[in-house]
Structure formats: structure tokens, C-alpha cells
Amino acid sequence: LWAAGATVQVFDPEAMDEVIRIYGERKDLLLMKNKEAALEGADALIIVTEWQSFRAPDFKKIKDTLITPVIFDGRNLYEPEKIEAMGIQYYAIGRGRSVKNVEV
């Protein structure tokens, strides 16, 4: 994402210190105070952890907050049919649909 010029907004209820340890302080890495703040101004939601607090989100709020209503789910937390019925594009690891490669 950084190679493509993205700013990454991160929230993890358990691993924020680890994020800084691994990636260091960067102007294109924003540590957010909560999951709602991480959605503000975001083009997409990428799930890379499966903490309990992410298991039953308010999908309407997610759709209304994201610039583009799309979720990339690296943990297969949600049912694709339910998400897509709400008008959110949904991509999950190993579930068939894929996205085009983008040259950076």
C-alpha cells in the first residue's frame, strides 16, 4: 500500500506498540484511537486480525463511513452474501473472488 502512495490508518486493540516496533514512526502510518476512527476518511477496510471486537461490526456504519464501501478480509470473519447484500464489496482470502493486480 505504501508503495502505491497510500496512508494507512491502523487500529488493533492489542498490538499498537508492535505496529510501531515493526514499522517505526512514519508520516503515512496513522495509529487510530479506535476502530471507528480508523474508518474515517478511509478508502477501504482491511481486516488482518480476528479480535472479538471485530466479529460483529455495524456494517451500515462501515458502509456509510468508508469512501468506497469495500472490505478486504484476511481472516474470513464475515459471510460474503450478508455483506454484499448491504451494498459492500467483499473480498476474503480463499473465497473465490479476486481483484486485479495493480502495477506500482
PDB file of N, CA and C in Angstrom:
ATOM      1  N   LEU A   1       0.822  -1.200   0.000  1.00  0.00           N
ATOM      2  CA  LEU A   1       0.000   0.000   0.000  1.00  0.00           C
ATOM      3  C   LEU A   1       0.862   1.259   0.000  1.00  0.00           C
ATOM      4  N   TRP A   2       1.920   1.230   0.800  1.00  0.00           N
ATOM      5  CA  TRP A   2       2.791   2.406   0.845  1.00  0.00           C
ATOM      6  C   TRP A   2       3.464   2.642  -0.496  1.00  0.00           C
ATOM      7  N   ALA A   3       3.848   1.584  -1.187  1.00  0.00           N
ATOM      8  CA  ALA A   3       4.483   1.736  -2.498  1.00  0.00           C
ATOM      9  C   ALA A   3       3.549   2.403  -3.499  1.00  0.00           C
ATOM     10  N   ALA A   4       2.237   2.251  -3.275  1.00  0.00           N
ATOM     11  CA  ALA A   4       1.246   2.876  -4.149  1.00  0.00           C
ATOM     12  C   ALA A   4       0.868   4.277  -3.671  1.00  0.00           C
ATOM     13  N   GLY A   5       1.501   4.753  -2.595  1.00  0.00           N
ATOM     14  CA  GLY A   5       1.247   6.099  -2.108  1.00  0.00           C
ATOM     15  C   GLY A   5       0.157   6.214  -1.067  1.00  0.00           C
ATOM     16  N   ALA A   6      -0.275   5.095  -0.497  1.00  0.00           N
ATOM     17  CA  ALA A   6      -1.369   5.114   0.478  1.00  0.00           C
ATOM     18  C   ALA A   6      -0.894   5.576   1.849  1.00  0.00           C
ATOM     19  N   THR A   7      -1.816   6.178   2.575  1.00  0.00           N
ATOM     20  CA  THR A   7      -1.646   6.400   4.001  1.00  0.00           C
ATOM     21  C   THR A   7      -2.463   5.316   4.687  1.00  0.00           C
ATOM     22  N   VAL A   8      -1.855   4.626   5.632  1.00  0.00           N
ATOM     23  CA  VAL A   8      -2.508   3.509   6.304  1.00  0.00           C
ATOM     24  C   VAL A   8      -2.925   3.949   7.701  1.00  0.00           C
ATOM     25  N   GLN A   9      -4.220   3.821   7.987  1.00  0.00           N
ATOM     26  CA  GLN A   9      -4.764   4.118   9.312  1.00  0.00           C
ATOM     27  C   GLN A   9      -4.976   2.784  10.016  1.00  0.00           C
ATOM     28  N   VAL A  10      -4.400   2.641  11.202  1.00  0.00           N
ATOM     29  CA  VAL A  10      -4.373   1.354  11.887  1.00  0.00           C
ATOM     30  C   VAL A  10      -5.067   1.433  13.232  1.00  0.00           C
ATOM     31  N   PHE A  11      -5.844   0.383  13.536  1.00  0.00           N
ATOM     32  CA  PHE A  11      -6.307   0.167  14.904  1.00  0.00           C
ATOM     33  C   PHE A  11      -6.257  -1.318  15.192  1.00  0.00           C
ATOM     34  N   ASP A  12      -5.621  -1.667  16.280  1.00  0.00           N
ATOM     35  CA  ASP A  12      -5.602  -3.033  16.793  1.00  0.00           C
ATOM     36  C   ASP A  12      -5.667  -2.913  18.306  1.00  0.00           C
ATOM     37  N   PRO A  13      -6.673  -3.512  18.946  1.00  0.00           N
ATOM     38  CA  PRO A  13      -6.834  -3.320  20.387  1.00  0.00           C
ATOM     39  C   PRO A  13      -5.692  -3.890  21.226  1.00  0.00           C
ATOM     40  N   GLU A  14      -4.844  -4.721  20.640  1.00  0.00           N
ATOM     41  CA  GLU A  14      -3.780  -5.366  21.400  1.00  0.00           C
ATOM     42  C   GLU A  14      -2.368  -5.087  20.894  1.00  0.00           C
ATOM     43  N   ALA A  15      -2.211  -4.624  19.670  1.00  0.00           N
ATOM     44  CA  ALA A  15      -0.876  -4.649  19.068  1.00  0.00           C
ATOM     45  C   ALA A  15      -0.354  -3.305  18.566  1.00  0.00           C
ATOM     46  N   MET A  16      -0.833  -2.206  19.084  1.00  0.00           N
ATOM     47  CA  MET A  16      -0.375  -0.912  18.583  1.00  0.00           C
ATOM     48  C   MET A  16       1.125  -0.700  18.836  1.00  0.00           C
ATOM     49  N   ASP A  17       1.628  -1.114  19.989  1.00  0.00           N
ATOM     50  CA  ASP A  17       3.062  -0.987  20.256  1.00  0.00           C
ATOM     51  C   ASP A  17       3.869  -1.828  19.278  1.00  0.00           C
ATOM     52  N   GLU A  18       3.348  -2.989  18.945  1.00  0.00           N
ATOM     53  CA  GLU A  18       4.030  -3.878  17.999  1.00  0.00           C
ATOM     54  C   GLU A  18       4.068  -3.264  16.598  1.00  0.00           C
ATOM     55  N   VAL A  19       3.009  -2.566  16.220  1.00  0.00           N
ATOM     56  CA  VAL A  19       2.987  -1.882  14.917  1.00  0.00           C
ATOM     57  C   VAL A  19       4.143  -0.888  14.839  1.00  0.00           C
ATOM     58  N   ILE A  20       4.317  -0.104  15.877  1.00  0.00           N
ATOM     59  CA  ILE A  20       5.413   0.875  15.910  1.00  0.00           C
ATOM     60  C   ILE A  20       6.767   0.171  15.920  1.00  0.00           C
ATOM     61  N   ARG A  21       6.875  -0.924  16.671  1.00  0.00           N
ATOM     62  CA  ARG A  21       8.141  -1.657  16.723  1.00  0.00           C
ATOM     63  C   ARG A  21       8.533  -2.169  15.335  1.00  0.00           C
ATOM     64  N   ILE A  22       7.559  -2.701  14.597  1.00  0.00           N
ATOM     65  CA  ILE A  22       7.840  -3.292  13.287  1.00  0.00           C
ATOM     66  C   ILE A  22       8.046  -2.223  12.215  1.00  0.00           C
ATOM     67  N   TYR A  23       7.152  -1.234  12.163  1.00  0.00           N
ATOM     68  CA  TYR A  23       7.162  -0.274  11.053  1.00  0.00           C
ATOM     69  C   TYR A  23       7.800   1.067  11.399  1.00  0.00           C
ATOM     70  N   GLY A  24       7.995   1.336  12.676  1.00  0.00           N
ATOM     71  CA  GLY A  24       8.556   2.615  13.079  1.00  0.00           C
ATOM     72  C   GLY A  24       7.545   3.740  12.905  1.00  0.00           C
ATOM     73  N   GLU A  25       7.994   4.938  13.198  1.00  0.00           N
ATOM     74  CA  GLU A  25       7.129   6.105  13.033  1.00  0.00           C
ATOM     75  C   GLU A  25       7.248   6.574  11.595  1.00  0.00           C
ATOM     76  N   ARG A  26       6.109   6.694  10.935  1.00  0.00           N
ATOM     77  CA  ARG A  26       6.061   7.121   9.528  1.00  0.00           C
ATOM     78  C   ARG A  26       4.916   8.109   9.385  1.00  0.00           C
ATOM     79  N   LYS A  27       5.082   9.076   8.496  1.00  0.00           N
ATOM     80  CA  LYS A  27       4.001  10.041   8.278  1.00  0.00           C
ATOM     81  C   LYS A  27       2.814   9.408   7.569  1.00  0.00           C
ATOM     82  N   ASP A  28       3.029   8.271   6.887  1.00  0.00           N
ATOM     83  CA  ASP A  28       1.945   7.593   6.173  1.00  0.00           C
ATOM     84  C   ASP A  28       1.386   6.399   6.950  1.00  0.00           C
ATOM     85  N   LEU A  29       1.660   6.361   8.262  1.00  0.00           N
ATOM     86  CA  LEU A  29       1.107   5.350   9.169  1.00  0.00           C
ATOM     87  C   LEU A  29       0.469   6.082  10.336  1.00  0.00           C
ATOM     88  N   LEU A  30      -0.851   6.043  10.390  1.00  0.00           N
ATOM     89  CA  LEU A  30      -1.588   6.747  11.439  1.00  0.00           C
ATOM     90  C   LEU A  30      -2.179   5.739  12.414  1.00  0.00           C
ATOM     91  N   LEU A  31      -1.810   5.848  13.681  1.00  0.00           N
ATOM     92  CA  LEU A  31      -2.357   4.978  14.714  1.00  0.00           C
ATOM     93  C   LEU A  31      -3.624   5.625  15.256  1.00  0.00           C
ATOM     94  N   MET A  32      -4.741   4.932  15.110  1.00  0.00           N
ATOM     95  CA  MET A  32      -6.032   5.493  15.481  1.00  0.00           C
ATOM     96  C   MET A  32      -6.444   5.009  16.873  1.00  0.00           C
ATOM     97  N   LYS A  33      -7.267   5.813  17.568  1.00  0.00           N
ATOM     98  CA  LYS A  33      -7.660   5.503  18.941  1.00  0.00           C
ATOM     99  C   LYS A  33      -8.693   4.389  19.048  1.00  0.00           C
ATOM    100  N   ASN A  34      -9.473   4.184  17.973  1.00  0.00           N
ATOM    101  CA  ASN A  34     -10.485   3.131  17.997  1.00  0.00           C
ATOM    102  C   ASN A  34     -10.825   2.717  16.570  1.00  0.00           C
ATOM    103  N   LYS A  35     -11.617   1.657  16.439  1.00  0.00           N
ATOM    104  CA  LYS A  35     -11.923   1.136  15.101  1.00  0.00           C
ATOM    105  C   LYS A  35     -12.772   2.102  14.294  1.00  0.00           C
ATOM    106  N   GLU A  36     -13.608   2.874  14.946  1.00  0.00           N
ATOM    107  CA  GLU A  36     -14.428   3.852  14.228  1.00  0.00           C
ATOM    108  C   GLU A  36     -13.564   4.957  13.626  1.00  0.00           C
ATOM    109  N   ALA A  37     -12.599   5.428  14.383  1.00  0.00           N
ATOM    110  CA  ALA A  37     -11.694   6.473  13.889  1.00  0.00           C
ATOM    111  C   ALA A  37     -10.871   5.977  12.703  1.00  0.00           C
ATOM    112  N   ALA A  38     -10.536   4.696  12.697  1.00  0.00           N
ATOM    113  CA  ALA A  38      -9.748   4.133  11.593  1.00  0.00           C
ATOM    114  C   ALA A  38     -10.523   4.140  10.282  1.00  0.00           C
ATOM    115  N   LEU A  39     -11.845   4.159  10.341  1.00  0.00           N
ATOM    116  CA  LEU A  39     -12.674   4.177   9.131  1.00  0.00           C
ATOM    117  C   LEU A  39     -12.808   5.571   8.524  1.00  0.00           C
ATOM    118  N   GLU A  40     -12.690   6.607   9.341  1.00  0.00           N
ATOM    119  CA  GLU A  40     -12.899   7.980   8.880  1.00  0.00           C
ATOM    120  C   GLU A  40     -11.902   8.349   7.783  1.00  0.00           C
ATOM    121  N   GLY A  41     -12.414   8.718   6.627  1.00  0.00           N
ATOM    122  CA  GLY A  41     -11.568   9.121   5.514  1.00  0.00           C
ATOM    123  C   GLY A  41     -10.877   7.975   4.796  1.00  0.00           C
ATOM    124  N   ALA A  42     -11.214   6.738   5.158  1.00  0.00           N
ATOM    125  CA  ALA A  42     -10.557   5.566   4.557  1.00  0.00           C
ATOM    126  C   ALA A  42     -11.244   5.162   3.258  1.00  0.00           C
ATOM    127  N   ASP A  43     -10.448   4.700   2.306  1.00  0.00           N
ATOM    128  CA  ASP A  43     -10.975   4.206   1.036  1.00  0.00           C
ATOM    129  C   ASP A  43     -11.521   2.795   1.160  1.00  0.00           C
ATOM    130  N   ALA A  44     -10.986   2.012   2.099  1.00  0.00           N
ATOM    131  CA  ALA A  44     -11.388   0.616   2.249  1.00  0.00           C
ATOM    132  C   ALA A  44     -11.057   0.155   3.664  1.00  0.00           C
ATOM    133  N   LEU A  45     -11.658  -0.963   4.054  1.00  0.00           N
ATOM    134  CA  LEU A  45     -11.360  -1.605   5.333  1.00  0.00           C
ATOM    135  C   LEU A  45     -10.618  -2.901   5.044  1.00  0.00           C
ATOM    136  N   ILE A  46      -9.471  -3.069   5.682  1.00  0.00           N
ATOM    137  CA  ILE A  46      -8.702  -4.301   5.548  1.00  0.00           C
ATOM    138  C   ILE A  46      -8.624  -4.948   6.922  1.00  0.00           C
ATOM    139  N   ILE A  47      -9.116  -6.175   7.023  1.00  0.00           N
ATOM    140  CA  ILE A  47      -9.106  -6.918   8.283  1.00  0.00           C
ATOM    141  C   ILE A  47      -7.909  -7.866   8.271  1.00  0.00           C
ATOM    142  N   VAL A  48      -7.012  -7.714   9.246  1.00  0.00           N
ATOM    143  CA  VAL A  48      -5.863  -8.610   9.333  1.00  0.00           C
ATOM    144  C   VAL A  48      -5.718  -9.221  10.728  1.00  0.00           C
ATOM    145  N   THR A  49      -6.722  -9.055  11.547  1.00  0.00           N
ATOM    146  CA  THR A  49      -6.731  -9.641  12.885  1.00  0.00           C
ATOM    147  C   THR A  49      -8.140 -10.110  13.188  1.00  0.00           C
ATOM    148  N   GLU A  50      -8.280 -11.000  14.142  1.00  0.00           N
ATOM    149  CA  GLU A  50      -9.613 -11.541  14.415  1.00  0.00           C
ATOM    150  C   GLU A  50     -10.048 -11.358  15.864  1.00  0.00           C
ATOM    151  N   TRP A  51      -9.670 -10.253  16.459  1.00  0.00           N
ATOM    152  CA  TRP A  51     -10.094  -9.981  17.830  1.00  0.00           C
ATOM    153  C   TRP A  51     -11.616  -9.962  17.920  1.00  0.00           C
ATOM    154  N   GLN A  52     -12.120 -10.310  19.074  1.00  0.00           N
ATOM    155  CA  GLN A  52     -13.565 -10.387  19.298  1.00  0.00           C
ATOM    156  C   GLN A  52     -14.267  -9.079  18.942  1.00  0.00           C
ATOM    157  N   SER A  53     -13.629  -7.962  19.195  1.00  0.00           N
ATOM    158  CA  SER A  53     -14.266  -6.666  18.935  1.00  0.00           C
ATOM    159  C   SER A  53     -14.520  -6.411  17.451  1.00  0.00           C
ATOM    160  N   PHE A  54     -13.933  -7.217  16.571  1.00  0.00           N
ATOM    161  CA  PHE A  54     -14.158  -7.068  15.130  1.00  0.00           C
ATOM    162  C   PHE A  54     -15.170  -8.067  14.579  1.00  0.00           C
ATOM    163  N   ARG A  55     -15.675  -8.960  15.412  1.00  0.00           N
ATOM    164  CA  ARG A  55     -16.508 -10.058  14.914  1.00  0.00           C
ATOM    165  C   ARG A  55     -17.940  -9.670  14.566  1.00  0.00           C
ATOM    166  N   ALA A  56     -18.488  -8.652  15.175  1.00  0.00           N
ATOM    167  CA  ALA A  56     -19.880  -8.261  14.899  1.00  0.00           C
ATOM    168  C   ALA A  56     -19.978  -6.745  14.724  1.00  0.00           C
ATOM    169  N   PRO A  57     -19.377  -6.213  13.661  1.00  0.00           N
ATOM    170  CA  PRO A  57     -19.381  -4.761  13.472  1.00  0.00           C
ATOM    171  C   PRO A  57     -20.724  -4.236  12.963  1.00  0.00           C
ATOM    172  N   ASP A  58     -20.862  -2.937  13.007  1.00  0.00           N
ATOM    173  CA  ASP A  58     -22.028  -2.257  12.449  1.00  0.00           C
ATOM    174  C   ASP A  58     -21.736  -2.005  10.967  1.00  0.00           C
ATOM    175  N   PHE A  59     -22.189  -2.924  10.112  1.00  0.00           N
ATOM    176  CA  PHE A  59     -21.870  -2.831   8.687  1.00  0.00           C
ATOM    177  C   PHE A  59     -22.488  -1.602   8.031  1.00  0.00           C
ATOM    178  N   LYS A  60     -23.634  -1.150   8.517  1.00  0.00           N
ATOM    179  CA  LYS A  60     -24.228   0.071   7.960  1.00  0.00           C
ATOM    180  C   LYS A  60     -23.299   1.256   8.220  1.00  0.00           C
ATOM    181  N   LYS A  61     -22.778   1.327   9.434  1.00  0.00           N
ATOM    182  CA  LYS A  61     -21.850   2.411   9.771  1.00  0.00           C
ATOM    183  C   LYS A  61     -20.575   2.307   8.935  1.00  0.00           C
ATOM    184  N   ILE A  62     -20.083   1.091   8.737  1.00  0.00           N
ATOM    185  CA  ILE A  62     -18.898   0.897   7.899  1.00  0.00           C
ATOM    186  C   ILE A  62     -19.179   1.409   6.493  1.00  0.00           C
ATOM    187  N   LYS A  63     -20.305   0.994   5.924  1.00  0.00           N
ATOM    188  CA  LYS A  63     -20.660   1.413   4.565  1.00  0.00           C
ATOM    189  C   LYS A  63     -20.783   2.930   4.473  1.00  0.00           C
ATOM    190  N   ASP A  64     -21.435   3.531   5.449  1.00  0.00           N
ATOM    191  CA  ASP A  64     -21.655   4.976   5.427  1.00  0.00           C
ATOM    192  C   ASP A  64     -20.375   5.780   5.661  1.00  0.00           C
ATOM    193  N   THR A  65     -19.387   5.186   6.315  1.00  0.00           N
ATOM    194  CA  THR A  65     -18.170   5.909   6.675  1.00  0.00           C
ATOM    195  C   THR A  65     -17.071   5.791   5.627  1.00  0.00           C
ATOM    196  N   LEU A  66     -16.905   4.612   5.044  1.00  0.00           N
ATOM    197  CA  LEU A  66     -15.844   4.415   4.052  1.00  0.00           C
ATOM    198  C   LEU A  66     -16.094   5.252   2.804  1.00  0.00           C
ATOM    199  N   ILE A  67     -15.037   5.758   2.207  1.00  0.00           N
ATOM    200  CA  ILE A  67     -15.164   6.478   0.944  1.00  0.00           C
ATOM    201  C   ILE A  67     -15.695   5.540  -0.130  1.00  0.00           C
ATOM    202  N   THR A  68     -15.133   4.342  -0.194  1.00  0.00           N
ATOM    203  CA  THR A  68     -15.597   3.290  -1.094  1.00  0.00           C
ATOM    204  C   THR A  68     -16.000   2.113  -0.221  1.00  0.00           C
ATOM    205  N   PRO A  69     -17.246   1.675  -0.256  1.00  0.00           N
ATOM    206  CA  PRO A  69     -17.650   0.580   0.628  1.00  0.00           C
ATOM    207  C   PRO A  69     -17.085  -0.767   0.170  1.00  0.00           C
ATOM    208  N   VAL A  70     -15.872  -1.055   0.631  1.00  0.00           N
ATOM    209  CA  VAL A  70     -15.222  -2.315   0.278  1.00  0.00           C
ATOM    210  C   VAL A  70     -14.444  -2.837   1.489  1.00  0.00           C
ATOM    211  N   ILE A  71     -14.540  -4.145   1.700  1.00  0.00           N
ATOM    212  CA  ILE A  71     -13.820  -4.811   2.783  1.00  0.00           C
ATOM    213  C   ILE A  71     -12.935  -5.898   2.184  1.00  0.00           C
ATOM    214  N   PHE A  72     -11.669  -5.899   2.586  1.00  0.00           N
ATOM    215  CA  PHE A  72     -10.741  -6.982   2.271  1.00  0.00           C
ATOM    216  C   PHE A  72     -10.512  -7.723   3.583  1.00  0.00           C
ATOM    217  N   ASP A  73     -10.988  -8.951   3.655  1.00  0.00           N
ATOM    218  CA  ASP A  73     -10.990  -9.710   4.903  1.00  0.00           C
ATOM    219  C   ASP A  73      -9.931 -10.807   4.859  1.00  0.00           C
ATOM    220  N   GLY A  74      -8.835 -10.578   5.535  1.00  0.00           N
ATOM    221  CA  GLY A  74      -7.758 -11.552   5.581  1.00  0.00           C
ATOM    222  C   GLY A  74      -7.966 -12.644   6.609  1.00  0.00           C
ATOM    223  N   ARG A  75      -9.069 -12.603   7.345  1.00  0.00           N
ATOM    224  CA  ARG A  75      -9.331 -13.587   8.389  1.00  0.00           C
ATOM    225  C   ARG A  75     -10.640 -14.355   8.181  1.00  0.00           C
ATOM    226  N   ASN A  76     -11.353 -14.075   7.097  1.00  0.00           N
ATOM    227  CA  ASN A  76     -12.635 -14.747   6.808  1.00  0.00           C
ATOM    228  C   ASN A  76     -13.618 -14.649   7.978  1.00  0.00           C
ATOM    229  N   LEU A  77     -13.794 -13.452   8.477  1.00  0.00           N
ATOM    230  CA  LEU A  77     -14.667 -13.248   9.632  1.00  0.00           C
ATOM    231  C   LEU A  77     -16.147 -13.191   9.283  1.00  0.00           C
ATOM    232  N   TYR A  78     -16.478 -12.805   8.063  1.00  0.00           N
ATOM    233  CA  TYR A  78     -17.867 -12.485   7.745  1.00  0.00           C
ATOM    234  C   TYR A  78     -18.412 -13.342   6.613  1.00  0.00           C
ATOM    235  N   GLU A  79     -19.726 -13.375   6.507  1.00  0.00           N
ATOM    236  CA  GLU A  79     -20.406 -14.100   5.440  1.00  0.00           C
ATOM    237  C   GLU A  79     -20.527 -13.193   4.216  1.00  0.00           C
ATOM    238  N   PRO A  80     -19.926 -13.573   3.098  1.00  0.00           N
ATOM    239  CA  PRO A  80     -19.929 -12.712   1.911  1.00  0.00           C
ATOM    240  C   PRO A  80     -21.322 -12.279   1.463  1.00  0.00           C
ATOM    241  N   GLU A  81     -22.281 -13.185   1.474  1.00  0.00           N
ATOM    242  CA  GLU A  81     -23.632 -12.857   0.994  1.00  0.00           C
ATOM    243  C   GLU A  81     -24.267 -11.753   1.836  1.00  0.00           C
ATOM    244  N   LYS A  82     -24.075 -11.817   3.140  1.00  0.00           N
ATOM    245  CA  LYS A  82     -24.646 -10.807   4.045  1.00  0.00           C
ATOM    246  C   LYS A  82     -24.044  -9.425   3.766  1.00  0.00           C
ATOM    247  N   ILE A  83     -22.731  -9.392   3.614  1.00  0.00           N
ATOM    248  CA  ILE A  83     -22.041  -8.118   3.396  1.00  0.00           C
ATOM    249  C   ILE A  83     -22.435  -7.519   2.048  1.00  0.00           C
ATOM    250  N   GLU A  84     -22.411  -8.348   1.017  1.00  0.00           N
ATOM    251  CA  GLU A  84     -22.714  -7.859  -0.329  1.00  0.00           C
ATOM    252  C   GLU A  84     -24.169  -7.438  -0.465  1.00  0.00           C
ATOM    253  N   ALA A  85     -25.080  -8.077   0.271  1.00  0.00           N
ATOM    254  CA  ALA A  85     -26.490  -7.680   0.251  1.00  0.00           C
ATOM    255  C   ALA A  85     -26.679  -6.271   0.810  1.00  0.00           C
ATOM    256  N   MET A  86     -25.720  -5.810   1.603  1.00  0.00           N
ATOM    257  CA  MET A  86     -25.782  -4.464   2.175  1.00  0.00           C
ATOM    258  C   MET A  86     -25.138  -3.430   1.259  1.00  0.00           C
ATOM    259  N   GLY A  87     -24.652  -3.862   0.098  1.00  0.00           N
ATOM    260  CA  GLY A  87     -24.034  -2.928  -0.837  1.00  0.00           C
ATOM    261  C   GLY A  87     -22.561  -2.681  -0.596  1.00  0.00           C
ATOM    262  N   ILE A  88     -21.909  -3.615   0.085  1.00  0.00           N
ATOM    263  CA  ILE A  88     -20.477  -3.505   0.352  1.00  0.00           C
ATOM    264  C   ILE A  88     -19.756  -4.566  -0.479  1.00  0.00           C
ATOM    265  N   GLN A  89     -18.736  -4.151  -1.228  1.00  0.00           N
ATOM    266  CA  GLN A  89     -17.909  -5.136  -1.927  1.00  0.00           C
ATOM    267  C   GLN A  89     -17.098  -5.889  -0.874  1.00  0.00           C
ATOM    268  N   TYR A  90     -16.978  -7.209  -1.058  1.00  0.00           N
ATOM    269  CA  TYR A  90     -16.318  -8.025  -0.040  1.00  0.00           C
ATOM    270  C   TYR A  90     -15.374  -9.017  -0.699  1.00  0.00           C
ATOM    271  N   TYR A  91     -14.125  -8.990  -0.266  1.00  0.00           N
ATOM    272  CA  TYR A  91     -13.106  -9.912  -0.757  1.00  0.00           C
ATOM    273  C   TYR A  91     -12.479 -10.600   0.446  1.00  0.00           C
ATOM    274  N   ALA A  92     -12.470 -11.931   0.442  1.00  0.00           N
ATOM    275  CA  ALA A  92     -11.898 -12.685   1.553  1.00  0.00           C
ATOM    276  C   ALA A  92     -10.906 -13.711   1.017  1.00  0.00           C
ATOM    277  N   ILE A  93      -9.911 -13.996   1.804  1.00  0.00           N
ATOM    278  CA  ILE A  93      -8.890 -14.965   1.423  1.00  0.00           C
ATOM    279  C   ILE A  93      -9.535 -16.327   1.167  1.00  0.00           C
ATOM    280  N   GLY A  94      -9.264 -16.896  -0.005  1.00  0.00           N
ATOM    281  CA  GLY A  94      -9.718 -18.245  -0.321  1.00  0.00           C
ATOM    282  C   GLY A  94     -11.189 -18.408  -0.612  1.00  0.00           C
ATOM    283  N   ARG A  95     -11.898 -17.329  -0.898  1.00  0.00           N
ATOM    284  CA  ARG A  95     -13.334 -17.436  -1.140  1.00  0.00           C
ATOM    285  C   ARG A  95     -13.719 -17.175  -2.587  1.00  0.00           C
ATOM    286  N   GLY A  96     -12.805 -17.314  -3.504  1.00  0.00           N
ATOM    287  CA  GLY A  96     -13.166 -17.299  -4.915  1.00  0.00           C
ATOM    288  C   GLY A  96     -12.995 -15.992  -5.656  1.00  0.00           C
ATOM    289  N   ARG A  97     -13.560 -14.915  -5.184  1.00  0.00           N
ATOM    290  CA  ARG A  97     -13.449 -13.644  -5.897  1.00  0.00           C
ATOM    291  C   ARG A  97     -12.056 -13.068  -5.676  1.00  0.00           C
ATOM    292  N   SER A  98     -11.518 -12.475  -6.708  1.00  0.00           N
ATOM    293  CA  SER A  98     -10.213 -11.842  -6.566  1.00  0.00           C
ATOM    294  C   SER A  98     -10.243 -10.467  -7.214  1.00  0.00           C
ATOM    295  N   VAL A  99      -9.230  -9.694  -6.939  1.00  0.00           N
ATOM    296  CA  VAL A  99      -9.122  -8.358  -7.513  1.00  0.00           C
ATOM    297  C   VAL A  99      -7.979  -8.351  -8.515  1.00  0.00           C
ATOM    298  N   LYS A 100      -8.015  -7.370  -9.412  1.00  0.00           N
ATOM    299  CA  LYS A 100      -6.955  -7.245 -10.412  1.00  0.00           C
ATOM    300  C   LYS A 100      -5.656  -6.795  -9.752  1.00  0.00           C
ATOM    301  N   ASN A 101      -4.556  -7.273 -10.310  1.00  0.00           N
ATOM    302  CA  ASN A 101      -3.253  -6.783  -9.869  1.00  0.00           C
ATOM    303  C   ASN A 101      -3.100  -5.334 -10.299  1.00  0.00           C
ATOM    304  N   VAL A 102      -2.429  -4.565  -9.483  1.00  0.00           N
ATOM    305  CA  VAL A 102      -2.173  -3.161  -9.782  1.00  0.00           C
ATOM    306  C   VAL A 102      -0.668  -2.959  -9.829  1.00  0.00           C
ATOM    307  N   GLU A 103      -0.187  -2.390 -10.927  1.00  0.00           N
ATOM    308  CA  GLU A 103       1.240  -2.081 -11.038  1.00  0.00           C
ATOM    309  C   GLU A 103       1.543  -0.846 -10.199  1.00  0.00           C
ATOM    310  N   VAL A 104       2.630  -0.905  -9.429  1.00  0.00           N
ATOM    311  CA  VAL A 104       3.040   0.256  -8.636  1.00  0.00           C
ATOM    312  C   VAL A 104       4.411   0.727  -9.047  1.00  0.00           C
TER     313      VAL A 104
END
